[in-house]
Amino acid sequence: MKSLALGAGLLAMAIVPAACTTGAAGSSATGGSQMVSVTPAIKAEIRRQGHDPDEEVCKREEQMGSTIPRRICATRAEWAAKTQASKDGTRAIQNNALRTPDPNAG
């Protein structure tokens, strides 16, 4: 019985850190608070460039408030989706900043 409990504890210790450092299962990656989805178009573009969209790539990212970079692993498609979501978000913020409220509206 002790060996069963020990085995379960070791298994939990192996799974929890891996789940915390790699992207979420399926077709989304987490980088900070950003949740993105991988579309077939993103995978097709990566294949067109001659790469495997499902290959896992690890990068070191600087974390705000820390001098120690964090290693984050995700598939090529997840990295591409995260980059595209960042560009889209930045573009939306910049476009909204250029809009001025209608002075005659209420």
Protein backbone atom coordinates (compact mmCIF):
# COMPACT_ATOMS: atom_id res chain seq x y z
CA MET A 1 0.00 0.00 0.00
CA LYS A 2 2.89 2.35 0.78
CA SER A 3 4.45 1.72 -2.62
CA LEU A 4 1.14 2.53 -4.34
CA ALA A 5 0.87 5.86 -2.49
CA LEU A 6 4.54 6.62 -3.21
CA GLY A 7 4.06 5.83 -6.89
CA ALA A 8 0.98 8.06 -7.10
CA GLY A 9 2.86 10.88 -5.38
CA LEU A 10 5.82 10.59 -7.76
CA LEU A 11 3.49 10.54 -10.75
CA ALA A 12 1.72 13.70 -9.52
CA MET A 13 5.08 15.42 -8.97
CA ALA A 14 6.09 14.59 -12.56
CA ILE A 15 2.84 15.76 -14.16
CA VAL A 16 2.21 19.04 -12.32
CA PRO A 17 5.47 20.85 -13.26
CA ALA A 18 5.15 19.74 -16.88
CA ALA A 19 1.60 21.09 -17.06
CA CYS A 20 2.74 24.42 -15.62
CA THR A 21 5.57 25.06 -18.07
CA THR A 22 4.18 23.80 -21.36
CA GLY A 23 1.24 25.16 -23.29
CA ALA A 24 -2.27 23.92 -22.63
CA ALA A 25 -3.23 20.69 -24.32
CA GLY A 26 -4.90 20.83 -27.68
CA SER A 27 -4.68 23.81 -29.95
CA SER A 28 -3.96 26.68 -27.62
CA ALA A 29 -0.91 28.10 -25.90
CA THR A 30 -0.67 30.22 -22.84
CA GLY A 31 1.87 32.94 -22.56
CA GLY A 32 1.06 35.10 -19.60
CA SER A 33 -2.67 35.73 -19.73
CA GLN A 34 -3.03 35.39 -23.48
CA MET A 35 -5.08 32.48 -24.85
CA VAL A 36 -4.82 31.83 -28.58
CA SER A 37 -6.18 29.27 -31.01
CA VAL A 38 -4.34 27.55 -33.79
CA THR A 39 -6.22 27.72 -37.09
CA PRO A 40 -5.75 25.46 -40.12
CA ALA A 41 -4.49 28.53 -42.02
CA ILE A 42 -1.65 28.98 -39.52
CA LYS A 43 -0.65 25.31 -39.83
CA ALA A 44 -0.81 25.53 -43.64
CA GLU A 45 1.46 28.59 -43.66
CA ILE A 46 4.03 26.84 -41.46
CA ARG A 47 3.95 23.77 -43.73
CA ARG A 48 4.39 26.07 -46.76
CA GLN A 49 7.56 27.42 -45.14
CA GLY A 50 8.88 23.85 -44.89
CA HIS A 51 8.45 23.30 -41.15
CA ASP A 52 6.39 20.87 -39.08
CA PRO A 53 3.63 22.86 -37.31
CA ASP A 54 3.39 20.22 -34.56
CA GLU A 55 7.10 20.31 -33.67
CA GLU A 56 7.65 21.51 -30.11
CA VAL A 57 9.91 24.52 -29.80
CA CYS A 58 11.16 25.90 -26.48
CA LYS A 59 12.06 29.55 -26.01
CA ARG A 60 13.43 31.57 -23.13
CA GLU A 61 11.28 34.58 -22.30
CA GLU A 62 12.11 37.39 -19.93
CA GLN A 63 9.55 37.68 -17.15
CA MET A 64 8.62 41.08 -15.79
CA GLY A 65 9.96 41.52 -12.28
CA SER A 66 12.53 38.75 -12.58
CA THR A 67 16.08 38.55 -13.85
CA ILE A 68 15.73 34.84 -14.56
CA PRO A 69 14.25 34.01 -17.97
CA ARG A 70 11.53 31.35 -18.06
CA ARG A 71 11.60 28.45 -20.51
CA ILE A 72 8.30 28.12 -22.36
CA CYS A 73 7.59 25.25 -24.76
CA ALA A 74 4.86 25.20 -27.42
CA THR A 75 4.39 23.92 -30.95
CA ARG A 76 5.43 26.04 -33.93
CA ALA A 77 1.74 26.59 -34.71
CA GLU A 78 1.07 27.79 -31.15
CA TRP A 79 3.99 30.23 -31.33
CA ALA A 80 2.72 31.54 -34.67
CA ALA A 81 -0.83 31.94 -33.28
CA LYS A 82 0.52 33.79 -30.25
CA THR A 83 2.53 36.14 -32.46
CA GLN A 84 -0.47 36.79 -34.71
CA ALA A 85 -2.74 37.47 -31.71
CA SER A 86 -0.18 39.96 -30.35
CA LYS A 87 -0.02 41.77 -33.68
CA ASP A 88 -3.83 41.85 -33.95
CA GLY A 89 -4.16 43.18 -30.40
CA THR A 90 -1.57 45.89 -30.97
CA ARG A 91 -3.24 46.90 -34.22
CA ALA A 92 -6.66 47.11 -32.50
CA ILE A 93 -5.28 49.28 -29.70
CA GLN A 94 -3.58 51.62 -32.17
CA ASN A 95 -6.70 51.90 -34.35
CA ASN A 96 -8.91 52.63 -31.34
CA ALA A 97 -6.47 55.29 -30.11
CA LEU A 98 -6.94 57.20 -33.35
CA ARG A 99 -10.71 57.36 -32.96
CA THR A 100 -12.07 60.39 -31.21
CA PRO A 101 -15.49 60.38 -29.60
CA ASP A 102 -18.24 62.27 -31.40
CA PRO A 103 -18.62 65.59 -29.56
CA ASN A 104 -22.32 65.74 -30.50
CA ALA A 105 -23.16 62.28 -29.12
CA GLY A 106 -24.83 62.80 -25.76
